[in-house]
C-alpha atoms as a PDB file:
ATOM      1  CA  UNK A   1     -11.145   4.011  -9.467  1.00  0.00           C
ATOM      2  CA  UNK A   2      -9.276   0.991  -8.400  1.00  0.00           C
ATOM      3  CA  UNK A   3     -10.437   1.026  -5.081  1.00  0.00           C
ATOM      4  CA  UNK A   4     -13.874  -1.517  -5.493  1.00  0.00           C
ATOM      5  CA  UNK A   5     -11.580  -3.921  -7.734  1.00  0.00           C
ATOM      6  CA  UNK A   6      -8.602  -4.038  -5.181  1.00  0.00           C
ATOM      7  CA  UNK A   7     -11.095  -5.036  -2.850  1.00  0.00           C
ATOM      8  CA  UNK A   8     -12.570  -7.737  -4.858  1.00  0.00           C
ATOM      9  CA  UNK A   9      -9.005  -8.833  -5.950  1.00  0.00           C
ATOM     10  CA  UNK A  10      -8.370  -9.394  -2.595  1.00  0.00           C
ATOM     11  CA  UNK A  11     -11.306 -11.483  -1.695  1.00  0.00           C
ATOM     12  CA  UNK A  12     -10.834 -13.636  -4.624  1.00  0.00           C
ATOM     13  CA  UNK A  13      -6.967 -14.217  -2.957  1.00  0.00           C
ATOM     14  CA  UNK A  14      -8.460 -14.966   0.769  1.00  0.00           C
ATOM     15  CA  UNK A  15     -10.930 -17.139  -0.852  1.00  0.00           C
ATOM     16  CA  UNK A  16      -8.441 -19.072  -3.097  1.00  0.00           C
ATOM     17  CA  UNK A  17      -5.962 -19.424  -0.161  1.00  0.00           C
ATOM     18  CA  UNK A  18      -8.001 -20.096   2.967  1.00  0.00           C
ATOM     19  CA  UNK A  19     -11.603 -21.727   3.267  1.00  0.00           C
ATOM     20  CA  UNK A  20     -14.168 -21.496   6.187  1.00  0.00           C
ATOM     21  CA  UNK A  21     -13.873 -25.523   6.459  1.00  0.00           C
ATOM     22  CA  UNK A  22     -10.207 -25.031   6.859  1.00  0.00           C
ATOM     23  CA  UNK A  23     -10.182 -22.386   9.160  1.00  0.00           C
ATOM     24  CA  UNK A  24     -12.766 -23.754  11.714  1.00  0.00           C
ATOM     25  CA  UNK A  25     -10.425 -26.814  11.671  1.00  0.00           C
ATOM     26  CA  UNK A  26      -7.771 -25.343  13.160  1.00  0.00           C
ATOM     27  CA  UNK A  27      -6.041 -26.194  16.662  1.00  0.00           C
ATOM     28  CA  UNK A  28      -8.003 -22.546  17.384  1.00  0.00           C
ATOM     29  CA  UNK A  29     -11.643 -22.991  14.982  1.00  0.00           C
ATOM     30  CA  UNK A  30     -11.111 -19.639  13.255  1.00  0.00           C
ATOM     31  CA  UNK A  31     -13.956 -17.551  11.192  1.00  0.00           C
ATOM     32  CA  UNK A  32     -13.465 -14.662   8.616  1.00  0.00           C
ATOM     33  CA  UNK A  33     -16.097 -12.090   8.191  1.00  0.00           C
ATOM     34  CA  UNK A  34     -16.090  -9.147   5.773  1.00  0.00           C
ATOM     35  CA  UNK A  35     -17.928  -6.118   6.846  1.00  0.00           C
ATOM     36  CA  UNK A  36     -18.638  -3.649   3.848  1.00  0.00           C
ATOM     37  CA  UNK A  37     -20.030  -0.206   4.150  1.00  0.00           C
ATOM     38  CA  UNK A  38     -22.652  -0.572   1.440  1.00  0.00           C
ATOM     39  CA  UNK A  39     -26.077  -1.662   1.083  1.00  0.00           C
ATOM     40  CA  UNK A  40     -27.023  -5.477   1.966  1.00  0.00           C
ATOM     41  CA  UNK A  41     -28.268  -5.535  -1.560  1.00  0.00           C
ATOM     42  CA  UNK A  42     -24.580  -5.686  -2.887  1.00  0.00           C
ATOM     43  CA  UNK A  43     -23.779  -8.782  -1.009  1.00  0.00           C
ATOM     44  CA  UNK A  44     -25.314 -11.579  -3.625  1.00  0.00           C
ATOM     45  CA  UNK A  45     -23.733  -9.336  -6.715  1.00  0.00           C
ATOM     46  CA  UNK A  46     -20.097  -9.397  -4.492  1.00  0.00           C
ATOM     47  CA  UNK A  47     -20.416 -12.738  -3.842  1.00  0.00           C
ATOM     48  CA  UNK A  48     -21.015 -13.723  -7.537  1.00  0.00           C
ATOM     49  CA  UNK A  49     -18.247 -11.287  -8.403  1.00  0.00           C
ATOM     50  CA  UNK A  50     -15.775 -12.702  -6.092  1.00  0.00           C
ATOM     51  CA  UNK A  51     -16.603 -16.185  -5.192  1.00  0.00           C
ATOM     52  CA  UNK A  52     -16.707 -15.228  -2.061  1.00  0.00           C
ATOM     53  CA  UNK A  53     -17.027 -18.290   0.723  1.00  0.00           C
ATOM     54  CA  UNK A  54     -17.116 -16.169   3.977  1.00  0.00           C
ATOM     55  CA  UNK A  55     -19.961 -14.331   5.568  1.00  0.00           C
ATOM     56  CA  UNK A  56     -20.446 -10.610   4.683  1.00  0.00           C
ATOM     57  CA  UNK A  57     -21.973  -8.422   6.600  1.00  0.00           C
ATOM     58  CA  UNK A  58     -22.774  -4.581   5.944  1.00  0.00           C
ATOM     59  CA  UNK A  59     -22.105  -1.433   8.155  1.00  0.00           C
ATOM     60  CA  UNK A  60     -23.832   1.788   5.648  1.00  0.00           C
ATOM     61  CA  UNK A  61     -23.616   3.929   8.777  1.00  0.00           C
ATOM     62  CA  UNK A  62     -19.906   2.842   9.161  1.00  0.00           C
ATOM     63  CA  UNK A  63     -20.011   3.390  12.957  1.00  0.00           C
ATOM     64  CA  UNK A  64     -17.934  -0.171  12.742  1.00  0.00           C
ATOM     65  CA  UNK A  65     -15.473   1.478  10.662  1.00  0.00           C
ATOM     66  CA  UNK A  66     -15.336   5.017  12.923  1.00  0.00           C
ATOM     67  CA  UNK A  67     -14.762   2.881  15.805  1.00  0.00           C
ATOM     68  CA  UNK A  68     -12.457   0.747  15.068  1.00  0.00           C
ATOM     69  CA  UNK A  69     -10.484   3.910  13.876  1.00  0.00           C
ATOM     70  CA  UNK A  70     -10.394   3.174   9.829  1.00  0.00           C
ATOM     71  CA  UNK A  71      -9.129   5.856   7.546  1.00  0.00           C
ATOM     72  CA  UNK A  72     -10.793   7.356   4.363  1.00  0.00           C
ATOM     73  CA  UNK A  73      -8.962   8.669   1.203  1.00  0.00           C
ATOM     74  CA  UNK A  74      -8.425   7.195  -2.561  1.00  0.00           C
ATOM     75  CA  UNK A  75      -4.543   7.025  -2.062  1.00  0.00           C
ATOM     76  CA  UNK A  76      -3.453   4.114  -4.183  1.00  0.00           C
ATOM     77  CA  UNK A  77      -0.433   3.167  -2.648  1.00  0.00           C
ATOM     78  CA  UNK A  78       2.226   0.735  -3.865  1.00  0.00           C
ATOM     79  CA  UNK A  79       0.342  -2.536  -5.876  1.00  0.00           C
ATOM     80  CA  UNK A  80       0.103  -5.557  -3.590  1.00  0.00           C
ATOM     81  CA  UNK A  81       0.721  -8.991  -4.793  1.00  0.00           C
ATOM     82  CA  UNK A  82      -2.843 -10.199  -4.224  1.00  0.00           C
ATOM     83  CA  UNK A  83      -3.778  -7.212  -7.621  1.00  0.00           C
ATOM     84  CA  UNK A  84      -2.645  -9.025 -10.868  1.00  0.00           C
ATOM     85  CA  UNK A  85      -2.873  -7.400 -13.732  1.00  0.00           C
ATOM     86  CA  UNK A  86      -3.459  -8.674 -17.231  1.00  0.00           C
ATOM     87  CA  UNK A  87      -5.281  -7.040 -20.353  1.00  0.00           C
ATOM     88  CA  UNK A  88      -8.362  -9.461 -19.519  1.00  0.00           C
ATOM     89  CA  UNK A  89      -8.607  -8.384 -15.506  1.00  0.00           C
ATOM     90  CA  UNK A  90      -8.311  -4.668 -16.467  1.00  0.00           C
ATOM     91  CA  UNK A  91     -11.435  -4.664 -18.676  1.00  0.00           C
ATOM     92  CA  UNK A  92     -13.170  -7.029 -16.236  1.00  0.00           C
ATOM     93  CA  UNK A  93     -11.752  -4.779 -13.332  1.00  0.00           C
ATOM     94  CA  UNK A  94     -12.986  -1.294 -15.170  1.00  0.00           C
ATOM     95  CA  UNK A  95     -16.575  -2.940 -15.704  1.00  0.00           C
ATOM     96  CA  UNK A  96     -16.678  -3.790 -12.325  1.00  0.00           C
ATOM     97  CA  UNK A  97     -15.579  -0.717 -10.922  1.00  0.00           C
ATOM     98  CA  UNK A  98     -18.325   0.851 -12.726  1.00  0.00           C
ATOM     99  CA  UNK A  99     -20.855  -1.206 -11.651  1.00  0.00           C
ATOM    100  CA  UNK A 100     -19.745  -0.632  -8.138  1.00  0.00           C
ATOM    101  CA  UNK A 101     -19.567   3.084  -8.609  1.00  0.00           C
ATOM    102  CA  UNK A 102     -23.321   3.249 -10.123  1.00  0.00           C
ATOM    103  CA  UNK A 103     -24.907   1.153  -7.081  1.00  0.00           C
ATOM    104  CA  UNK A 104     -24.618   1.493  -3.590  1.00  0.00           C
ATOM    105  CA  UNK A 105     -21.733   0.046  -2.578  1.00  0.00           C
ATOM    106  CA  UNK A 106     -20.549   2.661   0.329  1.00  0.00           C
ATOM    107  CA  UNK A 107     -18.398   5.324   0.433  1.00  0.00           C
ATOM    108  CA  UNK A 108     -16.161   5.108  -2.099  1.00  0.00           C
ATOM    109  CA  UNK A 109     -13.160   6.312  -0.447  1.00  0.00           C
ATOM    110  CA  UNK A 110     -13.813   4.086   2.923  1.00  0.00           C
ATOM    111  CA  UNK A 111     -10.516   1.770   3.616  1.00  0.00           C
ATOM    112  CA  UNK A 112     -10.716  -1.002   5.832  1.00  0.00           C
ATOM    113  CA  UNK A 113      -8.334  -3.120   7.537  1.00  0.00           C
ATOM    114  CA  UNK A 114      -7.517  -6.979   8.943  1.00  0.00           C
ATOM    115  CA  UNK A 115      -8.152  -7.682  12.722  1.00  0.00           C
ATOM    116  CA  UNK A 116      -7.960 -10.864  14.691  1.00  0.00           C
ATOM    117  CA  UNK A 117      -9.897 -11.284  17.525  1.00  0.00           C
ATOM    118  CA  UNK A 118      -9.305 -13.580  20.068  1.00  0.00           C
ATOM    119  CA  UNK A 119     -11.905 -14.206  22.919  1.00  0.00           C
ATOM    120  CA  UNK A 120     -13.519 -10.742  22.224  1.00  0.00           C
ATOM    121  CA  UNK A 121     -10.380  -8.970  22.300  1.00  0.00           C
ATOM    122  CA  UNK A 122      -8.374  -7.638  19.287  1.00  0.00           C
ATOM    123  CA  UNK A 123      -4.885  -9.343  19.406  1.00  0.00           C
ATOM    124  CA  UNK A 124      -3.810  -7.872  16.002  1.00  0.00           C
ATOM    125  CA  UNK A 125      -5.100  -4.952  13.759  1.00  0.00           C
ATOM    126  CA  UNK A 126      -4.273  -3.466  10.382  1.00  0.00           C
ATOM    127  CA  UNK A 127      -5.760  -0.328   9.427  1.00  0.00           C
ATOM    128  CA  UNK A 128      -4.970   0.345   5.595  1.00  0.00           C
ATOM    129  CA  UNK A 129      -3.846   3.734   4.783  1.00  0.00           C
ATOM    130  CA  UNK A 130      -5.117   3.822   1.033  1.00  0.00           C
ATOM    131  CA  UNK A 131      -7.146   1.767  -0.981  1.00  0.00           C
ATOM    132  CA  UNK A 132      -4.849  -1.095  -1.926  1.00  0.00           C
ATOM    133  CA  UNK A 133      -3.286  -1.297   1.712  1.00  0.00           C
ATOM    134  CA  UNK A 134      -4.763  -5.045   2.877  1.00  0.00           C
ATOM    135  CA  UNK A 135      -1.938  -7.142   4.473  1.00  0.00           C
ATOM    136  CA  UNK A 136      -0.865  -9.799   2.155  1.00  0.00           C
ATOM    137  CA  UNK A 137      -2.843 -13.048   2.398  1.00  0.00           C
ATOM    138  CA  UNK A 138       0.495 -15.491   3.243  1.00  0.00           C
ATOM    139  CA  UNK A 139       0.885 -12.669   5.981  1.00  0.00           C
ATOM    140  CA  UNK A 140      -2.411 -12.786   7.432  1.00  0.00           C
ATOM    141  CA  UNK A 141      -2.073 -17.036   7.093  1.00  0.00           C
ATOM    142  CA  UNK A 142       1.171 -16.436   9.494  1.00  0.00           C
ATOM    143  CA  UNK A 143      -0.173 -14.174  11.561  1.00  0.00           C
ATOM    144  CA  UNK A 144      -3.226 -17.032  12.493  1.00  0.00           C
ATOM    145  CA  UNK A 145      -0.671 -19.633  12.930  1.00  0.00           C
ATOM    146  CA  UNK A 146       0.710 -17.470  15.609  1.00  0.00           C
ATOM    147  CA  UNK A 147      -2.019 -17.126  17.097  1.00  0.00           C
ATOM    148  CA  UNK A 148      -2.384 -21.107  18.014  1.00  0.00           C
END
């Protein structure tokens, strides 16, 4: 049941390190979008839970995920740096996970990934192999720097 919290932790880490304004002011103006597979009615709650400042879209049919070759599984993999464990965090995470499981947040085993598009072409992609396999935020920053 770690998957929903892992993604929320990742979005919190992205929001803490990157802002839409900073990305837009790069030498190559950059935008970050988040695409979920649940109902659009879940977006506002997710923004409140994560403090996300990026645009969020949903694709409940998961056609985008399938087209981009994203995997489905509930494996945990190793704990990434963006997940912080504390007793309070675990308790909040458990509550958020239960809330996520009780709402239409999409297929629980759907893994995502990170893609860098330049002029409509995918220049870099990482497809998650498990529920905690997002690229670390610092690595994503480095990859974005390489595109400039």
